[in-house]
Amino acid sequence: MSHPWDPIADETLRLPDGRTLAYMEWGDREGTPVLCFHGMPGSRLFFPDPPAAAELGVRAITIDRPGVGGSDPQPGHRIADGAADVELFADALGFDRFGVVGWSAGVPYALACAALIPRRLTGVAGTNSASAMIYLAPDDPQIAAAVIDDDDRRIQELLATDPDAGLREAIAVGADWAADLAEHPEQLLTEPDEGDGWFFEDPVREAMFVDSIREGVRQGIEGVALQWVAQLAPWGFRIEDVGIPFGLWAGASDRLTPPDRMRLLADRIPGARLTVWDDGGHLAIAKHLPEVLRDVLGER
């Protein structure tokens, strides 16, 4: 028997360079396409609210980034490369225009699309994201202290002169973390933000979220490190060059990325609009996904 949270497709796509991208579809197979970018650790197995997508006539598609889940690694991966992959993906599926939603570590990739391929987007949105704060760190010592730890700093220093050495350091530092998550992904559920506990009251929904974390580290730290390094290295574009209105959303109780930090991000993005939800934290998008989807469909 199917569950409302079951995906409607689990597929792979071969890119022109031979790499495979893995993706899932949710909601309405004949609906308006919206591409959704997962957090870290995370994967295509998580979508915040499949019934909402179905009700709104949205064909929501979650895509594993290179080295994550079922997607092949991309040596030298940069966040800007994510926009290029998205454009190839959209062409292959026959999408002229589409919406984009980034959650957590997926927000830098939503920003890449907004800066590099704005003409293809019906709208773009991002939620609370510590990863996006890394862009601000060079110009803000307080942000740098909050989001760049000693390991990150050492990796950045290596990346500046020897990218391969920086990647090797990320692999060495993160190996135990990835192995531990692969064995016990449920550890990330132990202390949800205020207002987010309801999300895990449905055992099927909770299992899907846990499976998404396990799938996200399936290729081991060698795959995840590509994402980590991409966040810490130059992104390959400027967020100040975003060429489309950008909807930013933040949960008021998010301990990882409080709304005040998201306001700093909004100040740097041309045309950004920040909305703060007062009834949730890092997972508040699961309560408010219809609002976000209407926004990226141009219905705000």
C-alpha atoms as a PDB file:
ATOM      1  CA  MET A   1       0.000   0.000   0.000  1.00  0.00           C
ATOM      2  CA  SER A   2       1.407   3.385  -0.978  1.00  0.00           C
ATOM      3  CA  HIS A   3       1.983   6.180   1.525  1.00  0.00           C
ATOM      4  CA  PRO A   4       1.397   9.882   0.730  1.00  0.00           C
ATOM      5  CA  TRP A   5       5.124  10.411   1.192  1.00  0.00           C
ATOM      6  CA  ASP A   6       6.176   7.847  -1.406  1.00  0.00           C
ATOM      7  CA  PRO A   7       8.039   9.221  -4.462  1.00  0.00           C
ATOM      8  CA  ILE A   8       6.487   8.794  -7.899  1.00  0.00           C
ATOM      9  CA  ALA A   9       9.814   7.995  -9.594  1.00  0.00           C
ATOM     10  CA  ASP A  10      13.411   7.101  -8.751  1.00  0.00           C
ATOM     11  CA  GLU A  11      15.578   7.533 -11.835  1.00  0.00           C
ATOM     12  CA  THR A  12      19.065   8.266 -13.152  1.00  0.00           C
ATOM     13  CA  LEU A  13      20.248  10.484 -15.990  1.00  0.00           C
ATOM     14  CA  ARG A  14      23.504  10.235 -17.946  1.00  0.00           C
ATOM     15  CA  LEU A  15      25.171  13.613 -18.540  1.00  0.00           C
ATOM     16  CA  PRO A  16      27.211  14.383 -21.682  1.00  0.00           C
ATOM     17  CA  ASP A  17      30.487  13.910 -19.763  1.00  0.00           C
ATOM     18  CA  GLY A  18      29.407  10.394 -18.785  1.00  0.00           C
ATOM     19  CA  ARG A  19      28.498  11.124 -15.178  1.00  0.00           C
ATOM     20  CA  THR A  20      25.227   9.841 -13.722  1.00  0.00           C
ATOM     21  CA  LEU A  21      22.826  12.038 -11.773  1.00  0.00           C
ATOM     22  CA  ALA A  22      20.293  10.265  -9.564  1.00  0.00           C
ATOM     23  CA  TYR A  23      16.943  11.894  -8.864  1.00  0.00           C
ATOM     24  CA  MET A  24      13.481  11.296  -7.443  1.00  0.00           C
ATOM     25  CA  GLU A  25      10.153  12.824  -8.391  1.00  0.00           C
ATOM     26  CA  TRP A  26       7.306  13.744  -6.036  1.00  0.00           C
ATOM     27  CA  GLY A  27       3.818  15.167  -6.381  1.00  0.00           C
ATOM     28  CA  ASP A  28       2.246  15.519  -9.838  1.00  0.00           C
ATOM     29  CA  ARG A  29       4.121  13.835 -12.718  1.00  0.00           C
ATOM     30  CA  GLU A  30       2.337  16.133 -15.183  1.00  0.00           C
ATOM     31  CA  GLY A  31       2.786  19.241 -13.076  1.00  0.00           C
ATOM     32  CA  THR A  32       5.030  22.307 -13.234  1.00  0.00           C
ATOM     33  CA  PRO A  33       8.656  21.317 -12.567  1.00  0.00           C
ATOM     34  CA  VAL A  34      10.438  22.515  -9.424  1.00  0.00           C
ATOM     35  CA  LEU A  35      13.971  21.271  -8.732  1.00  0.00           C
ATOM     36  CA  CYS A  36      14.876  20.855  -5.072  1.00  0.00           C
ATOM     37  CA  PHE A  37      18.401  20.823  -3.620  1.00  0.00           C
ATOM     38  CA  HIS A  38      19.024  18.772  -0.467  1.00  0.00           C
ATOM     39  CA  GLY A  39      21.046  19.558   2.640  1.00  0.00           C
ATOM     40  CA  MET A  40      24.232  17.934   3.892  1.00  0.00           C
ATOM     41  CA  PRO A  41      24.148  15.214   4.980  1.00  0.00           C
ATOM     42  CA  GLY A  42      21.150  14.485   2.812  1.00  0.00           C
ATOM     43  CA  SER A  43      20.071  13.156  -0.539  1.00  0.00           C
ATOM     44  CA  ARG A  44      17.288  12.883  -3.097  1.00  0.00           C
ATOM     45  CA  LEU A  45      15.319  10.673  -0.682  1.00  0.00           C
ATOM     46  CA  PHE A  46      14.057  13.706   1.275  1.00  0.00           C
ATOM     47  CA  PHE A  47      11.355  16.082   0.087  1.00  0.00           C
ATOM     48  CA  PRO A  48       9.669  18.258   2.741  1.00  0.00           C
ATOM     49  CA  ASP A  49       5.987  17.668   1.837  1.00  0.00           C
ATOM     50  CA  PRO A  50       5.023  15.475  -1.152  1.00  0.00           C
ATOM     51  CA  PRO A  51       1.234  15.886  -0.633  1.00  0.00           C
ATOM     52  CA  ALA A  52       1.629  19.663  -0.899  1.00  0.00           C
ATOM     53  CA  ALA A  53       3.380  19.279  -4.252  1.00  0.00           C
ATOM     54  CA  ALA A  54       0.585  17.041  -5.533  1.00  0.00           C
ATOM     55  CA  GLU A  55      -2.121  19.453  -4.381  1.00  0.00           C
ATOM     56  CA  LEU A  56      -0.425  22.401  -6.087  1.00  0.00           C
ATOM     57  CA  GLY A  57       0.211  20.573  -9.353  1.00  0.00           C
ATOM     58  CA  VAL A  58       3.993  20.576  -8.874  1.00  0.00           C
ATOM     59  CA  ARG A  59       6.375  18.018 -10.326  1.00  0.00           C
ATOM     60  CA  ALA A  60       9.012  18.247  -7.603  1.00  0.00           C
ATOM     61  CA  ILE A  61      12.400  16.722  -8.378  1.00  0.00           C
ATOM     62  CA  THR A  62      15.157  16.104  -5.842  1.00  0.00           C
ATOM     63  CA  ILE A  63      18.626  15.572  -7.329  1.00  0.00           C
ATOM     64  CA  ASP A  64      21.669  13.982  -5.682  1.00  0.00           C
ATOM     65  CA  ARG A  65      24.675  16.255  -6.082  1.00  0.00           C
ATOM     66  CA  PRO A  66      27.972  14.801  -7.370  1.00  0.00           C
ATOM     67  CA  GLY A  67      29.409  12.242  -4.954  1.00  0.00           C
ATOM     68  CA  VAL A  68      26.140  11.983  -3.001  1.00  0.00           C
ATOM     69  CA  GLY A  69      23.747   9.037  -3.036  1.00  0.00           C
ATOM     70  CA  GLY A  70      23.459   7.681  -6.552  1.00  0.00           C
ATOM     71  CA  SER A  71      25.239  10.521  -8.391  1.00  0.00           C
ATOM     72  CA  ASP A  72      28.769  10.045  -9.673  1.00  0.00           C
ATOM     73  CA  PRO A  73      31.550  12.226  -8.233  1.00  0.00           C
ATOM     74  CA  GLN A  74      32.793  15.201 -10.230  1.00  0.00           C
ATOM     75  CA  PRO A  75      36.514  15.872  -9.700  1.00  0.00           C
ATOM     76  CA  GLY A  76      37.175  19.528  -8.965  1.00  0.00           C
ATOM     77  CA  HIS A  77      33.487  20.169  -8.302  1.00  0.00           C
ATOM     78  CA  ARG A  78      32.515  23.820  -7.686  1.00  0.00           C
ATOM     79  CA  ILE A  79      29.150  25.156  -6.636  1.00  0.00           C
ATOM     80  CA  ALA A  80      28.897  26.954  -9.995  1.00  0.00           C
ATOM     81  CA  ASP A  81      29.094  23.538 -11.656  1.00  0.00           C
ATOM     82  CA  GLY A  82      25.793  22.690  -9.994  1.00  0.00           C
ATOM     83  CA  ALA A  83      24.027  25.271 -12.156  1.00  0.00           C
ATOM     84  CA  ALA A  84      25.570  23.771 -15.284  1.00  0.00           C
ATOM     85  CA  ASP A  85      24.368  20.303 -14.247  1.00  0.00           C
ATOM     86  CA  VAL A  86      20.889  21.664 -13.570  1.00  0.00           C
ATOM     87  CA  GLU A  87      20.692  23.212 -17.026  1.00  0.00           C
ATOM     88  CA  LEU A  88      21.771  19.950 -18.663  1.00  0.00           C
ATOM     89  CA  PHE A  89      19.287  18.051 -16.501  1.00  0.00           C
ATOM     90  CA  ALA A  90      16.441  20.387 -17.449  1.00  0.00           C
ATOM     91  CA  ASP A  91      17.301  20.118 -21.139  1.00  0.00           C
ATOM     92  CA  ALA A  92      17.292  16.325 -20.954  1.00  0.00           C
ATOM     93  CA  LEU A  93      13.858  16.273 -19.321  1.00  0.00           C
ATOM     94  CA  GLY A  94      12.477  18.869 -21.713  1.00  0.00           C
ATOM     95  CA  PHE A  95      11.998  21.690 -19.201  1.00  0.00           C
ATOM     96  CA  ASP A  96      12.223  25.157 -20.712  1.00  0.00           C
ATOM     97  CA  ARG A  97      11.646  26.900 -17.395  1.00  0.00           C
ATOM     98  CA  PHE A  98      11.389  25.575 -13.851  1.00  0.00           C
ATOM     99  CA  GLY A  99      11.451  26.628 -10.223  1.00  0.00           C
ATOM    100  CA  VAL A 100      14.305  26.011  -7.806  1.00  0.00           C
ATOM    101  CA  VAL A 101      14.216  25.486  -4.033  1.00  0.00           C
ATOM    102  CA  GLY A 102      17.337  25.040  -1.901  1.00  0.00           C
ATOM    103  CA  TRP A 103      17.225  23.785   1.685  1.00  0.00           C
ATOM    104  CA  SER A 104      20.156  24.145   4.082  1.00  0.00           C
ATOM    105  CA  ALA A 105      23.364  23.167   2.221  1.00  0.00           C
ATOM    106  CA  GLY A 106      21.356  23.229  -1.005  1.00  0.00           C
ATOM    107  CA  VAL A 107      20.969  27.025  -0.837  1.00  0.00           C
ATOM    108  CA  PRO A 108      24.379  27.828  -2.409  1.00  0.00           C
ATOM    109  CA  TYR A 109      23.288  25.781  -5.427  1.00  0.00           C
ATOM    110  CA  ALA A 110      20.004  27.683  -5.634  1.00  0.00           C
ATOM    111  CA  LEU A 111      22.050  30.887  -5.566  1.00  0.00           C
ATOM    112  CA  ALA A 112      24.219  29.522  -8.383  1.00  0.00           C
ATOM    113  CA  CYS A 113      21.154  28.949 -10.533  1.00  0.00           C
ATOM    114  CA  ALA A 114      19.830  32.425  -9.736  1.00  0.00           C
ATOM    115  CA  ALA A 115      23.143  34.033 -10.691  1.00  0.00           C
ATOM    116  CA  LEU A 116      24.109  31.906 -13.685  1.00  0.00           C
ATOM    117  CA  ILE A 117      20.903  30.670 -15.346  1.00  0.00           C
ATOM    118  CA  PRO A 118      18.181  33.137 -14.237  1.00  0.00           C
ATOM    119  CA  ARG A 119      16.462  33.085 -17.636  1.00  0.00           C
ATOM    120  CA  ARG A 120      15.519  29.423 -17.060  1.00  0.00           C
ATOM    121  CA  LEU A 121      13.827  30.001 -13.687  1.00  0.00           C
ATOM    122  CA  THR A 122      10.199  30.732 -12.875  1.00  0.00           C
ATOM    123  CA  GLY A 123      11.376  31.554  -9.356  1.00  0.00           C
ATOM    124  CA  VAL A 124      13.970  30.604  -6.758  1.00  0.00           C
ATOM    125  CA  ALA A 125      13.937  30.196  -3.000  1.00  0.00           C
ATOM    126  CA  GLY A 126      16.252  29.153  -0.195  1.00  0.00           C
ATOM    127  CA  THR A 127      15.805  28.400   3.488  1.00  0.00           C
ATOM    128  CA  ASN A 128      18.074  28.552   6.557  1.00  0.00           C
ATOM    129  CA  SER A 129      21.612  27.699   5.467  1.00  0.00           C
ATOM    130  CA  ALA A 130      24.840  27.728   7.440  1.00  0.00           C
ATOM    131  CA  SER A 131      26.570  26.741   4.191  1.00  0.00           C
ATOM    132  CA  ALA A 132      25.448  29.974   2.548  1.00  0.00           C
ATOM    133  CA  MET A 133      26.949  31.917   5.457  1.00  0.00           C
ATOM    134  CA  ILE A 134      30.409  30.752   4.359  1.00  0.00           C
ATOM    135  CA  TYR A 135      30.168  33.211   1.466  1.00  0.00           C
ATOM    136  CA  LEU A 136      29.878  36.050   3.995  1.00  0.00           C
ATOM    137  CA  ALA A 137      32.663  34.847   6.268  1.00  0.00           C
ATOM    138  CA  PRO A 138      35.613  36.654   4.600  1.00  0.00           C
ATOM    139  CA  ASP A 139      33.940  40.024   5.237  1.00  0.00           C
ATOM    140  CA  ASP A 140      32.437  39.357   8.678  1.00  0.00           C
ATOM    141  CA  PRO A 141      34.623  38.066  11.553  1.00  0.00           C
ATOM    142  CA  GLN A 142      31.578  37.164  13.656  1.00  0.00           C
ATOM    143  CA  ILE A 143      30.101  35.050  10.887  1.00  0.00           C
ATOM    144  CA  ALA A 144      33.493  33.478  10.251  1.00  0.00           C
ATOM    145  CA  ALA A 145      33.806  32.525  13.923  1.00  0.00           C
ATOM    146  CA  ALA A 146      30.318  30.991  13.861  1.00  0.00           C
ATOM    147  CA  VAL A 147      30.554  28.922  10.680  1.00  0.00           C
ATOM    148  CA  ILE A 148      34.276  28.286  10.048  1.00  0.00           C
ATOM    149  CA  ASP A 149      35.929  25.935  12.540  1.00  0.00           C
ATOM    150  CA  ASP A 150      39.585  24.942  12.771  1.00  0.00           C
ATOM    151  CA  ASP A 151      39.161  22.045  10.338  1.00  0.00           C
ATOM    152  CA  ASP A 152      37.416  24.295   7.803  1.00  0.00           C
ATOM    153  CA  ARG A 153      40.151  26.913   8.134  1.00  0.00           C
ATOM    154  CA  ARG A 154      42.914  24.385   7.584  1.00  0.00           C
ATOM    155  CA  ILE A 155      41.156  23.008   4.512  1.00  0.00           C
ATOM    156  CA  GLN A 156      40.667  26.515   3.106  1.00  0.00           C
ATOM    157  CA  GLU A 157      44.347  27.291   3.579  1.00  0.00           C
ATOM    158  CA  LEU A 158      45.313  24.154   1.684  1.00  0.00           C
ATOM    159  CA  LEU A 159      42.786  24.798  -1.077  1.00  0.00           C
ATOM    160  CA  ALA A 160      44.345  28.193  -1.754  1.00  0.00           C
ATOM    161  CA  THR A 161      47.628  26.610  -2.888  1.00  0.00           C
ATOM    162  CA  ASP A 162      46.895  22.915  -3.508  1.00  0.00           C
ATOM    163  CA  PRO A 163      43.252  21.906  -4.119  1.00  0.00           C
ATOM    164  CA  ASP A 164      44.127  18.199  -4.090  1.00  0.00           C
ATOM    165  CA  ALA A 165      45.711  18.572  -0.664  1.00  0.00           C
ATOM    166  CA  GLY A 166      42.622  20.395   0.571  1.00  0.00           C
ATOM    167  CA  LEU A 167      40.404  17.555  -0.602  1.00  0.00           C
ATOM    168  CA  ARG A 168      42.680  14.957   1.010  1.00  0.00           C
ATOM    169  CA  GLU A 169      42.509  16.855   4.294  1.00  0.00           C
ATOM    170  CA  ALA A 170      38.693  16.983   4.135  1.00  0.00           C
ATOM    171  CA  ILE A 171      38.597  13.234   3.531  1.00  0.00           C
ATOM    172  CA  ALA A 172      40.932  12.553   6.447  1.00  0.00           C
ATOM    173  CA  VAL A 173      39.081  14.854   8.847  1.00  0.00           C
ATOM    174  CA  GLY A 174      35.583  13.693   7.903  1.00  0.00           C
ATOM    175  CA  ALA A 175      36.088   9.938   7.568  1.00  0.00           C
ATOM    176  CA  ASP A 176      34.882   9.014  11.067  1.00  0.00           C
ATOM    177  CA  TRP A 177      31.935  11.428  10.800  1.00  0.00           C
ATOM    178  CA  ALA A 178      30.699   9.869   7.552  1.00  0.00           C
ATOM    179  CA  ALA A 179      31.158   6.313   8.814  1.00  0.00           C
ATOM    180  CA  ASP A 180      29.283   7.118  12.027  1.00  0.00           C
ATOM    181  CA  LEU A 181      26.385   8.684  10.131  1.00  0.00           C
ATOM    182  CA  ALA A 182      26.165   5.718   7.766  1.00  0.00           C
ATOM    183  CA  GLU A 183      25.737   3.435  10.780  1.00  0.00           C
ATOM    184  CA  HIS A 184      23.613   5.715  12.963  1.00  0.00           C
ATOM    185  CA  PRO A 185      21.874   8.371  10.821  1.00  0.00           C
ATOM    186  CA  GLU A 186      19.118   8.666  13.430  1.00  0.00           C
ATOM    187  CA  GLN A 187      21.504  10.602  15.691  1.00  0.00           C
ATOM    188  CA  LEU A 188      20.575  13.798  13.852  1.00  0.00           C
ATOM    189  CA  LEU A 189      16.990  13.489  15.114  1.00  0.00           C
ATOM    190  CA  THR A 190      17.739  13.586  18.835  1.00  0.00           C
ATOM    191  CA  GLU A 191      17.344  17.337  19.475  1.00  0.00           C
ATOM    192  CA  PRO A 192      15.085  18.978  16.885  1.00  0.00           C
ATOM    193  CA  ASP A 193      14.623  22.731  16.986  1.00  0.00           C
ATOM    194  CA  GLU A 194      11.614  24.136  18.814  1.00  0.00           C
ATOM    195  CA  GLY A 195       8.559  23.662  16.620  1.00  0.00           C
ATOM    196  CA  ASP A 196      10.116  20.895  14.502  1.00  0.00           C
ATOM    197  CA  GLY A 197       9.356  17.866  16.678  1.00  0.00           C
ATOM    198  CA  TRP A 198       6.003  17.275  14.967  1.00  0.00           C
ATOM    199  CA  PHE A 199       7.828  16.288  11.767  1.00  0.00           C
ATOM    200  CA  PHE A 200       8.994  13.028  13.325  1.00  0.00           C
ATOM    201  CA  GLU A 201       5.606  11.974  14.738  1.00  0.00           C
ATOM    202  CA  ASP A 202       4.836  10.078  11.519  1.00  0.00           C
ATOM    203  CA  PRO A 203       7.079   6.960  11.495  1.00  0.00           C
ATOM    204  CA  VAL A 204       7.062   6.723   7.693  1.00  0.00           C
ATOM    205  CA  ARG A 205       8.122  10.348   7.346  1.00  0.00           C
ATOM    206  CA  GLU A 206      10.805   9.897   9.987  1.00  0.00           C
ATOM    207  CA  ALA A 207      12.118   6.765   8.261  1.00  0.00           C
ATOM    208  CA  MET A 208      12.324   8.639   4.958  1.00  0.00           C
ATOM    209  CA  PHE A 209      14.361  11.412   6.561  1.00  0.00           C
ATOM    210  CA  VAL A 210      16.730   8.916   8.212  1.00  0.00           C
ATOM    211  CA  ASP A 211      17.121   6.988   4.957  1.00  0.00           C
ATOM    212  CA  SER A 212      17.960  10.255   3.203  1.00  0.00           C
ATOM    213  CA  ILE A 213      20.854  10.847   5.576  1.00  0.00           C
ATOM    214  CA  ARG A 214      22.169   7.301   5.182  1.00  0.00           C
ATOM    215  CA  GLU A 215      21.905   7.555   1.399  1.00  0.00           C
ATOM    216  CA  GLY A 216      23.708  10.885   1.477  1.00  0.00           C
ATOM    217  CA  VAL A 217      26.878   9.262   2.831  1.00  0.00           C
ATOM    218  CA  ARG A 218      26.548   6.022   0.869  1.00  0.00           C
ATOM    219  CA  GLN A 219      29.689   6.765  -1.156  1.00  0.00           C
ATOM    220  CA  GLY A 220      31.618   7.510   2.017  1.00  0.00           C
ATOM    221  CA  ILE A 221      33.525  10.633   2.879  1.00  0.00           C
ATOM    222  CA  GLU A 222      35.187  10.612  -0.557  1.00  0.00           C
ATOM    223  CA  GLY A 223      31.882  11.701  -2.070  1.00  0.00           C
ATOM    224  CA  VAL A 224      30.662  14.029   0.668  1.00  0.00           C
ATOM    225  CA  ALA A 225      34.056  15.768   0.866  1.00  0.00           C
ATOM    226  CA  LEU A 226      33.500  17.142  -2.641  1.00  0.00           C
ATOM    227  CA  GLN A 227      30.509  19.064  -1.295  1.00  0.00           C
ATOM    228  CA  TRP A 228      32.370  20.238   1.798  1.00  0.00           C
ATOM    229  CA  VAL A 229      35.333  21.477  -0.221  1.00  0.00           C
ATOM    230  CA  ALA A 230      33.048  23.212  -2.730  1.00  0.00           C
ATOM    231  CA  GLN A 231      31.489  25.249   0.084  1.00  0.00           C
ATOM    232  CA  LEU A 232      34.900  26.306   1.423  1.00  0.00           C
ATOM    233  CA  ALA A 233      36.529  27.060  -1.949  1.00  0.00           C
ATOM    234  CA  PRO A 234      35.580  29.970  -4.246  1.00  0.00           C
ATOM    235  CA  TRP A 235      32.099  29.277  -5.547  1.00  0.00           C
ATOM    236  CA  GLY A 236      32.681  30.373  -9.144  1.00  0.00           C
ATOM    237  CA  PHE A 237      30.136  33.214  -9.077  1.00  0.00           C
ATOM    238  CA  ARG A 238      29.080  36.192  -6.945  1.00  0.00           C
ATOM    239  CA  ILE A 239      25.763  36.204  -5.094  1.00  0.00           C
ATOM    240  CA  GLU A 240      25.669  39.926  -5.804  1.00  0.00           C
ATOM    241  CA  ASP A 241      25.103  38.942  -9.448  1.00  0.00           C
ATOM    242  CA  VAL A 242      21.847  37.093  -8.753  1.00  0.00           C
ATOM    243  CA  GLY A 243      19.597  38.055 -11.647  1.00  0.00           C
ATOM    244  CA  ILE A 244      16.135  37.130 -10.393  1.00  0.00           C
ATOM    245  CA  PRO A 245      14.093  37.912  -7.259  1.00  0.00           C
ATOM    246  CA  PHE A 246      15.203  35.515  -4.541  1.00  0.00           C
ATOM    247  CA  GLY A 247      12.883  34.340  -1.764  1.00  0.00           C
ATOM    248  CA  LEU A 248      14.693  33.630   1.508  1.00  0.00           C
ATOM    249  CA  TRP A 249      12.897  31.837   4.329  1.00  0.00           C
ATOM    250  CA  ALA A 250      14.008  31.216   7.898  1.00  0.00           C
ATOM    251  CA  GLY A 251      12.674  29.342  10.910  1.00  0.00           C
ATOM    252  CA  ALA A 252      12.759  31.576  13.980  1.00  0.00           C
ATOM    253  CA  SER A 253      13.955  28.723  16.218  1.00  0.00           C
ATOM    254  CA  ASP A 254      16.741  27.486  13.932  1.00  0.00           C
ATOM    255  CA  ARG A 255      19.799  27.067  16.162  1.00  0.00           C
ATOM    256  CA  LEU A 256      22.096  26.283  13.237  1.00  0.00           C
ATOM    257  CA  THR A 257      21.319  29.445  11.282  1.00  0.00           C
ATOM    258  CA  PRO A 258      19.325  32.030  13.259  1.00  0.00           C
ATOM    259  CA  PRO A 259      17.240  34.481  11.209  1.00  0.00           C
ATOM    260  CA  ASP A 260      19.573  37.392  11.996  1.00  0.00           C
ATOM    261  CA  ARG A 261      22.265  35.675   9.949  1.00  0.00           C
ATOM    262  CA  MET A 262      19.871  35.084   7.090  1.00  0.00           C
ATOM    263  CA  ARG A 263      19.141  38.814   7.092  1.00  0.00           C
ATOM    264  CA  LEU A 264      22.835  39.436   6.470  1.00  0.00           C
ATOM    265  CA  LEU A 265      22.629  37.112   3.479  1.00  0.00           C
ATOM    266  CA  ALA A 266      19.512  38.865   2.193  1.00  0.00           C
ATOM    267  CA  ASP A 267      21.344  42.187   2.346  1.00  0.00           C
ATOM    268  CA  ARG A 268      23.910  40.903  -0.171  1.00  0.00           C
ATOM    269  CA  ILE A 269      21.475  39.433  -2.702  1.00  0.00           C
ATOM    270  CA  PRO A 270      19.827  41.890  -5.123  1.00  0.00           C
ATOM    271  CA  GLY A 271      16.060  41.722  -4.837  1.00  0.00           C
ATOM    272  CA  ALA A 272      16.064  39.229  -1.949  1.00  0.00           C
ATOM    273  CA  ARG A 273      12.969  38.981   0.260  1.00  0.00           C
ATOM    274  CA  LEU A 274      13.326  37.451   3.735  1.00  0.00           C
ATOM    275  CA  THR A 275      10.377  35.796   5.464  1.00  0.00           C
ATOM    276  CA  VAL A 276      10.750  34.488   9.031  1.00  0.00           C
ATOM    277  CA  TRP A 277       8.458  31.685  10.172  1.00  0.00           C
ATOM    278  CA  ASP A 278       7.821  31.944  13.912  1.00  0.00           C
ATOM    279  CA  ASP A 279       6.609  28.369  14.418  1.00  0.00           C
ATOM    280  CA  GLY A 280       9.647  26.224  13.548  1.00  0.00           C
ATOM    281  CA  GLY A 281      13.374  25.860  13.131  1.00  0.00           C
ATOM    282  CA  HIS A 282      15.571  24.196  10.531  1.00  0.00           C
ATOM    283  CA  LEU A 283      12.671  22.048   9.298  1.00  0.00           C
ATOM    284  CA  ALA A 284      10.101  24.848   9.181  1.00  0.00           C
ATOM    285  CA  ILE A 285       9.924  24.493   5.398  1.00  0.00           C
ATOM    286  CA  ALA A 286       7.996  21.253   5.950  1.00  0.00           C
ATOM    287  CA  LYS A 287       5.172  23.306   7.503  1.00  0.00           C
ATOM    288  CA  HIS A 288       5.305  26.059   4.918  1.00  0.00           C
ATOM    289  CA  LEU A 289       6.206  24.341   1.666  1.00  0.00           C
ATOM    290  CA  PRO A 290       3.000  25.434  -0.151  1.00  0.00           C
ATOM    291  CA  GLU A 291       3.995  29.060   0.476  1.00  0.00           C
ATOM    292  CA  VAL A 292       7.474  28.460  -0.933  1.00  0.00           C
ATOM    293  CA  LEU A 293       6.223  26.527  -3.952  1.00  0.00           C
ATOM    294  CA  ARG A 294       3.691  29.234  -4.844  1.00  0.00           C
ATOM    295  CA  ASP A 295       6.507  31.745  -4.662  1.00  0.00           C
ATOM    296  CA  VAL A 296       8.812  29.908  -7.073  1.00  0.00           C
ATOM    297  CA  LEU A 297       5.875  29.367  -9.417  1.00  0.00           C
ATOM    298  CA  GLY A 298       5.337  33.137  -9.533  1.00  0.00           C
ATOM    299  CA  GLU A 299       2.098  33.041  -7.523  1.00  0.00           C
ATOM    300  CA  ARG A 300       3.243  35.047  -4.480  1.00  0.00           C
END
